[in-house]
Amino acid sequence: MIKDRIEATDFRDAMSLLTTAVNVVTTAGVSGVHGFTASAVCSVTDTPPTLLVCMNQTSRSHAYFIENKTLSVNVLGAHHESISNTFASKLQSVERFEQGAWTQLVTGSPILEDALVSFDCEIEHVQEVGTHSVFMCRVVAIKQSEQQDGSEEGLVYFNRAYSRVGQVDLA
C-alpha cells in the first residue's frame, strides 16, 4: 500500500523488517559510565575510520554521551542476548555493567571483553535529526574477538525478535 503521508507507526513497522546488528554502546568520562543497546550503527568511511551511531534524545543516558564525547560500540554475538536485554532495560548503569566482563582501550569507554568486535571512538560531531542525535564517531582503536575460527555467530534483530547469523561449520 502506498500512502501520501507516512505515519510513525507505519515507519516503525516497516523498519522492523530491516535486519540490524545488535550492539551495546558505552561511554565513560566526567559524567560517569553509561551504556545502551543500539541497532542504529553503521560505517561511514574507512579514511578516516568513522562510525555513525544514533541515540534518542530522550534517553536518560543521552546527556552523558554528549558530555563525555567518547563512546565504544560493542558488536554482540549470539550468546549476548541477555546483555542486550540488560542494556535495553530500566536498570541503573551500575547494575548494567555487572553483567559481562569489561575492559577499556584508548578512550576509557567500556569494552565488552568477548564482543565480536569493539570500536573505541571519539565523538567528533553531533547532528540532531527529529527525535534522535546522530553521533559521527572517529574510531581510535579496535579490538576483535580472539576466536577467529568462524564458529561465532552474530546477534541480529529482525521483525522485533533476536536471530542469529553466521557460518558455523563444525564438520
C-alpha atoms as a PDB file:
ATOM      1  CA  MET A   1       0.000   0.000   0.000  1.00  0.00           C
ATOM      2  CA  ILE A   2       1.328   3.448  -0.918  1.00  0.00           C
ATOM      3  CA  LYS A   3       0.423   6.437   1.250  1.00  0.00           C
ATOM      4  CA  ASP A   4       0.973  10.145   0.733  1.00  0.00           C
ATOM      5  CA  ARG A   5       1.772  10.645   4.402  1.00  0.00           C
ATOM      6  CA  ILE A   6       3.857   8.143   6.357  1.00  0.00           C
ATOM      7  CA  GLU A   7       2.675   7.593   9.931  1.00  0.00           C
ATOM      8  CA  ALA A   8       5.314   6.936  12.608  1.00  0.00           C
ATOM      9  CA  THR A   9       3.822   3.512  13.390  1.00  0.00           C
ATOM     10  CA  ASP A  10       3.895   2.547   9.708  1.00  0.00           C
ATOM     11  CA  PHE A  11       7.536   3.591   9.509  1.00  0.00           C
ATOM     12  CA  ARG A  12       8.455   1.609  12.668  1.00  0.00           C
ATOM     13  CA  ASP A  13       6.612  -1.459  11.326  1.00  0.00           C
ATOM     14  CA  ALA A  14       8.482  -1.223   8.028  1.00  0.00           C
ATOM     15  CA  MET A  15      11.847  -0.695   9.759  1.00  0.00           C
ATOM     16  CA  SER A  16      11.266  -3.816  11.868  1.00  0.00           C
ATOM     17  CA  LEU A  17      11.894  -5.750   8.661  1.00  0.00           C
ATOM     18  CA  LEU A  18      15.370  -4.250   8.260  1.00  0.00           C
ATOM     19  CA  THR A  19      17.786  -6.723   9.833  1.00  0.00           C
ATOM     20  CA  THR A  20      20.292  -4.967  12.081  1.00  0.00           C
ATOM     21  CA  ALA A  21      23.264  -5.972  14.191  1.00  0.00           C
ATOM     22  CA  VAL A  22      22.772  -5.664  17.940  1.00  0.00           C
ATOM     23  CA  ASN A  23      25.315  -3.516  19.766  1.00  0.00           C
ATOM     24  CA  VAL A  24      25.909  -2.199  23.247  1.00  0.00           C
ATOM     25  CA  VAL A  25      27.180   1.364  23.053  1.00  0.00           C
ATOM     26  CA  THR A  26      29.045   2.616  26.129  1.00  0.00           C
ATOM     27  CA  THR A  27      30.699   5.774  27.384  1.00  0.00           C
ATOM     28  CA  ALA A  28      32.906   6.779  30.302  1.00  0.00           C
ATOM     29  CA  GLY A  29      34.243  10.131  31.392  1.00  0.00           C
ATOM     30  CA  VAL A  30      33.496  13.047  33.667  1.00  0.00           C
ATOM     31  CA  SER A  31      29.780  12.212  33.714  1.00  0.00           C
ATOM     32  CA  GLY A  32      30.359   8.566  34.641  1.00  0.00           C
ATOM     33  CA  VAL A  33      29.891   5.210  32.936  1.00  0.00           C
ATOM     34  CA  HIS A  34      26.756   4.580  30.889  1.00  0.00           C
ATOM     35  CA  GLY A  35      25.541   2.314  28.100  1.00  0.00           C
ATOM     36  CA  PHE A  36      22.553   1.353  25.968  1.00  0.00           C
ATOM     37  CA  THR A  37      21.527  -1.233  23.387  1.00  0.00           C
ATOM     38  CA  ALA A  38      21.553   0.093  19.829  1.00  0.00           C
ATOM     39  CA  SER A  39      20.828  -1.166  16.359  1.00  0.00           C
ATOM     40  CA  ALA A  40      21.329   2.176  14.593  1.00  0.00           C
ATOM     41  CA  VAL A  41      25.084   1.883  13.999  1.00  0.00           C
ATOM     42  CA  CYS A  42      26.840   1.894  10.634  1.00  0.00           C
ATOM     43  CA  SER A  43      30.117   2.543   8.899  1.00  0.00           C
ATOM     44  CA  VAL A  44      30.568   5.958   7.291  1.00  0.00           C
ATOM     45  CA  THR A  45      34.074   5.787   5.813  1.00  0.00           C
ATOM     46  CA  ASP A  46      37.347   3.942   6.292  1.00  0.00           C
ATOM     47  CA  THR A  47      39.507   7.043   5.760  1.00  0.00           C
ATOM     48  CA  PRO A  48      39.432   8.247   8.461  1.00  0.00           C
ATOM     49  CA  PRO A  49      37.689   5.281  10.111  1.00  0.00           C
ATOM     50  CA  THR A  50      34.298   6.668  11.135  1.00  0.00           C
ATOM     51  CA  LEU A  51      31.069   5.207  12.520  1.00  0.00           C
ATOM     52  CA  LEU A  52      27.616   6.714  12.818  1.00  0.00           C
ATOM     53  CA  VAL A  53      25.587   5.998  15.978  1.00  0.00           C
ATOM     54  CA  CYS A  54      22.009   7.185  16.536  1.00  0.00           C
ATOM     55  CA  MET A  55      20.555   7.774  20.002  1.00  0.00           C
ATOM     56  CA  ASN A  56      17.150   9.003  21.140  1.00  0.00           C
ATOM     57  CA  GLN A  57      17.492  12.440  22.743  1.00  0.00           C
ATOM     58  CA  THR A  58      15.020  11.455  25.479  1.00  0.00           C
ATOM     59  CA  SER A  59      17.244   8.577  26.606  1.00  0.00           C
ATOM     60  CA  ARG A  60      18.362   9.027  30.193  1.00  0.00           C
ATOM     61  CA  SER A  61      21.962   8.403  29.058  1.00  0.00           C
ATOM     62  CA  HIS A  62      21.937  10.958  26.228  1.00  0.00           C
ATOM     63  CA  ALA A  63      23.471  13.856  28.164  1.00  0.00           C
ATOM     64  CA  TYR A  64      26.291  11.637  29.422  1.00  0.00           C
ATOM     65  CA  PHE A  65      27.379  10.708  25.900  1.00  0.00           C
ATOM     66  CA  ILE A  66      27.293  14.378  24.892  1.00  0.00           C
ATOM     67  CA  GLU A  67      29.358  15.389  27.925  1.00  0.00           C
ATOM     68  CA  ASN A  68      31.898  12.531  27.749  1.00  0.00           C
ATOM     69  CA  LYS A  69      32.459  12.956  23.985  1.00  0.00           C
ATOM     70  CA  THR A  70      33.547   9.309  23.683  1.00  0.00           C
ATOM     71  CA  LEU A  71      31.837   6.002  23.061  1.00  0.00           C
ATOM     72  CA  SER A  72      32.546   2.390  22.287  1.00  0.00           C
ATOM     73  CA  VAL A  73      30.436   0.197  20.038  1.00  0.00           C
ATOM     74  CA  ASN A  74      30.450  -3.432  21.187  1.00  0.00           C
ATOM     75  CA  VAL A  75      29.082  -5.757  18.486  1.00  0.00           C
ATOM     76  CA  LEU A  76      27.249  -8.599  20.232  1.00  0.00           C
ATOM     77  CA  GLY A  77      27.491 -12.284  19.482  1.00  0.00           C
ATOM     78  CA  ALA A  78      24.543 -14.677  19.609  1.00  0.00           C
ATOM     79  CA  HIS A  79      25.437 -15.592  23.206  1.00  0.00           C
ATOM     80  CA  HIS A  80      24.955 -11.954  24.327  1.00  0.00           C
ATOM     81  CA  GLU A  81      21.151 -11.778  24.148  1.00  0.00           C
ATOM     82  CA  SER A  82      20.882 -11.302  27.925  1.00  0.00           C
ATOM     83  CA  ILE A  83      23.409  -8.433  27.843  1.00  0.00           C
ATOM     84  CA  SER A  84      21.387  -6.778  25.086  1.00  0.00           C
ATOM     85  CA  ASN A  85      18.241  -7.058  27.206  1.00  0.00           C
ATOM     86  CA  THR A  86      20.048  -5.728  30.282  1.00  0.00           C
ATOM     87  CA  PHE A  87      21.290  -2.612  28.470  1.00  0.00           C
ATOM     88  CA  ALA A  88      17.817  -2.036  26.990  1.00  0.00           C
ATOM     89  CA  SER A  89      16.192  -2.291  30.422  1.00  0.00           C
ATOM     90  CA  LYS A  90      15.411   0.323  33.077  1.00  0.00           C
ATOM     91  CA  LEU A  91      18.268  -0.903  35.297  1.00  0.00           C
ATOM     92  CA  GLN A  92      20.707   1.698  36.575  1.00  0.00           C
ATOM     93  CA  SER A  93      24.126   1.961  34.882  1.00  0.00           C
ATOM     94  CA  VAL A  94      25.985   0.273  37.734  1.00  0.00           C
ATOM     95  CA  GLU A  95      23.651  -2.743  37.543  1.00  0.00           C
ATOM     96  CA  ARG A  96      24.008  -2.987  33.759  1.00  0.00           C
ATOM     97  CA  PHE A  97      27.787  -3.294  33.906  1.00  0.00           C
ATOM     98  CA  GLU A  98      27.565  -6.108  36.486  1.00  0.00           C
ATOM     99  CA  GLN A  99      26.759  -8.425  33.578  1.00  0.00           C
ATOM    100  CA  GLY A 100      29.680  -9.379  31.329  1.00  0.00           C
ATOM    101  CA  ALA A 101      33.416  -8.771  31.678  1.00  0.00           C
ATOM    102  CA  TRP A 102      34.569  -5.267  30.780  1.00  0.00           C
ATOM    103  CA  THR A 103      37.876  -3.648  29.955  1.00  0.00           C
ATOM    104  CA  GLN A 104      38.884  -0.469  28.119  1.00  0.00           C
ATOM    105  CA  LEU A 105      41.047   0.724  25.265  1.00  0.00           C
ATOM    106  CA  VAL A 106      42.108   4.310  24.426  1.00  0.00           C
ATOM    107  CA  THR A 107      39.106   6.457  25.431  1.00  0.00           C
ATOM    108  CA  GLY A 108      38.251   4.635  28.654  1.00  0.00           C
ATOM    109  CA  SER A 109      34.754   3.712  27.425  1.00  0.00           C
ATOM    110  CA  PRO A 110      33.845   0.165  28.489  1.00  0.00           C
ATOM    111  CA  ILE A 111      34.734  -2.624  26.062  1.00  0.00           C
ATOM    112  CA  LEU A 112      32.944  -5.967  26.401  1.00  0.00           C
ATOM    113  CA  GLU A 113      35.812  -8.464  26.567  1.00  0.00           C
ATOM    114  CA  ASP A 114      34.097 -11.150  24.485  1.00  0.00           C
ATOM    115  CA  ALA A 115      32.323  -8.909  21.965  1.00  0.00           C
ATOM    116  CA  LEU A 116      32.689  -9.974  18.338  1.00  0.00           C
ATOM    117  CA  VAL A 117      34.424  -6.642  17.775  1.00  0.00           C
ATOM    118  CA  SER A 118      34.604  -3.366  19.677  1.00  0.00           C
ATOM    119  CA  PHE A 119      35.187   0.074  18.206  1.00  0.00           C
ATOM    120  CA  ASP A 120      36.572   2.692  20.597  1.00  0.00           C
ATOM    121  CA  CYS A 121      35.615   6.167  19.375  1.00  0.00           C
ATOM    122  CA  GLU A 122      35.770   9.890  19.931  1.00  0.00           C
ATOM    123  CA  ILE A 123      32.541  11.730  19.110  1.00  0.00           C
ATOM    124  CA  GLU A 124      33.550  14.385  16.578  1.00  0.00           C
ATOM    125  CA  HIS A 125      30.160  15.792  15.568  1.00  0.00           C
ATOM    126  CA  VAL A 126      26.562  15.581  16.797  1.00  0.00           C
ATOM    127  CA  GLN A 127      23.629  16.294  14.474  1.00  0.00           C
ATOM    128  CA  GLU A 128      20.080  16.498  15.800  1.00  0.00           C
ATOM    129  CA  VAL A 129      17.550  14.881  13.463  1.00  0.00           C
ATOM    130  CA  GLY A 130      13.977  14.713  14.706  1.00  0.00           C
ATOM    131  CA  THR A 131      13.901  12.786  17.996  1.00  0.00           C
ATOM    132  CA  HIS A 132      17.470  11.489  17.698  1.00  0.00           C
ATOM    133  CA  SER A 133      21.064  12.625  17.842  1.00  0.00           C
ATOM    134  CA  VAL A 134      23.407  11.296  15.185  1.00  0.00           C
ATOM    135  CA  PHE A 135      26.930  10.898  16.530  1.00  0.00           C
ATOM    136  CA  MET A 136      29.752  10.937  13.986  1.00  0.00           C
ATOM    137  CA  CYS A 137      32.499   8.960  15.693  1.00  0.00           C
ATOM    138  CA  ARG A 138      36.156   8.686  14.757  1.00  0.00           C
ATOM    139  CA  VAL A 139      37.449   5.199  15.557  1.00  0.00           C
ATOM    140  CA  VAL A 140      40.678   5.397  17.588  1.00  0.00           C
ATOM    141  CA  ALA A 141      41.050   1.692  18.492  1.00  0.00           C
ATOM    142  CA  ILE A 142      39.569  -1.684  17.517  1.00  0.00           C
ATOM    143  CA  LYS A 143      39.521  -4.946  19.463  1.00  0.00           C
ATOM    144  CA  GLN A 144      38.429  -8.067  17.590  1.00  0.00           C
ATOM    145  CA  SER A 145      37.348 -11.333  19.149  1.00  0.00           C
ATOM    146  CA  GLU A 146      40.199 -13.726  19.793  1.00  0.00           C
ATOM    147  CA  GLN A 147      38.013 -16.543  18.436  1.00  0.00           C
ATOM    148  CA  GLN A 148      38.662 -16.205  14.704  1.00  0.00           C
ATOM    149  CA  ASP A 149      37.789 -19.776  13.706  1.00  0.00           C
ATOM    150  CA  GLY A 150      34.447 -18.900  12.086  1.00  0.00           C
ATOM    151  CA  SER A 151      32.389 -20.591  14.798  1.00  0.00           C
ATOM    152  CA  GLU A 152      30.966 -17.388  16.261  1.00  0.00           C
ATOM    153  CA  GLU A 153      27.501 -16.187  15.371  1.00  0.00           C
ATOM    154  CA  GLY A 154      26.297 -12.602  15.370  1.00  0.00           C
ATOM    155  CA  LEU A 155      23.200 -11.369  17.180  1.00  0.00           C
ATOM    156  CA  VAL A 156      20.762  -9.522  14.928  1.00  0.00           C
ATOM    157  CA  TYR A 157      17.307  -8.042  15.368  1.00  0.00           C
ATOM    158  CA  PHE A 158      14.612  -8.744  12.777  1.00  0.00           C
ATOM    159  CA  ASN A 159      10.826  -8.410  12.951  1.00  0.00           C
ATOM    160  CA  ARG A 160      11.052  -7.432  16.636  1.00  0.00           C
ATOM    161  CA  ALA A 161      12.922 -10.592  17.620  1.00  0.00           C
ATOM    162  CA  TYR A 162      16.518 -11.725  18.055  1.00  0.00           C
ATOM    163  CA  SER A 163      18.061 -14.017  15.461  1.00  0.00           C
ATOM    164  CA  ARG A 164      21.498 -15.490  14.931  1.00  0.00           C
ATOM    165  CA  VAL A 165      23.611 -15.139  11.809  1.00  0.00           C
ATOM    166  CA  GLY A 166      26.944 -16.501  10.787  1.00  0.00           C
ATOM    167  CA  GLN A 167      28.596 -19.544   9.417  1.00  0.00           C
ATOM    168  CA  VAL A 168      29.092 -22.317  11.903  1.00  0.00           C
ATOM    169  CA  ASP A 169      30.867 -25.277  10.363  1.00  0.00           C
ATOM    170  CA  LEU A 170      31.555 -27.926  12.943  1.00  0.00           C
ATOM    171  CA  ALA A 171      32.175 -30.723  10.421  1.00  0.00           C
END
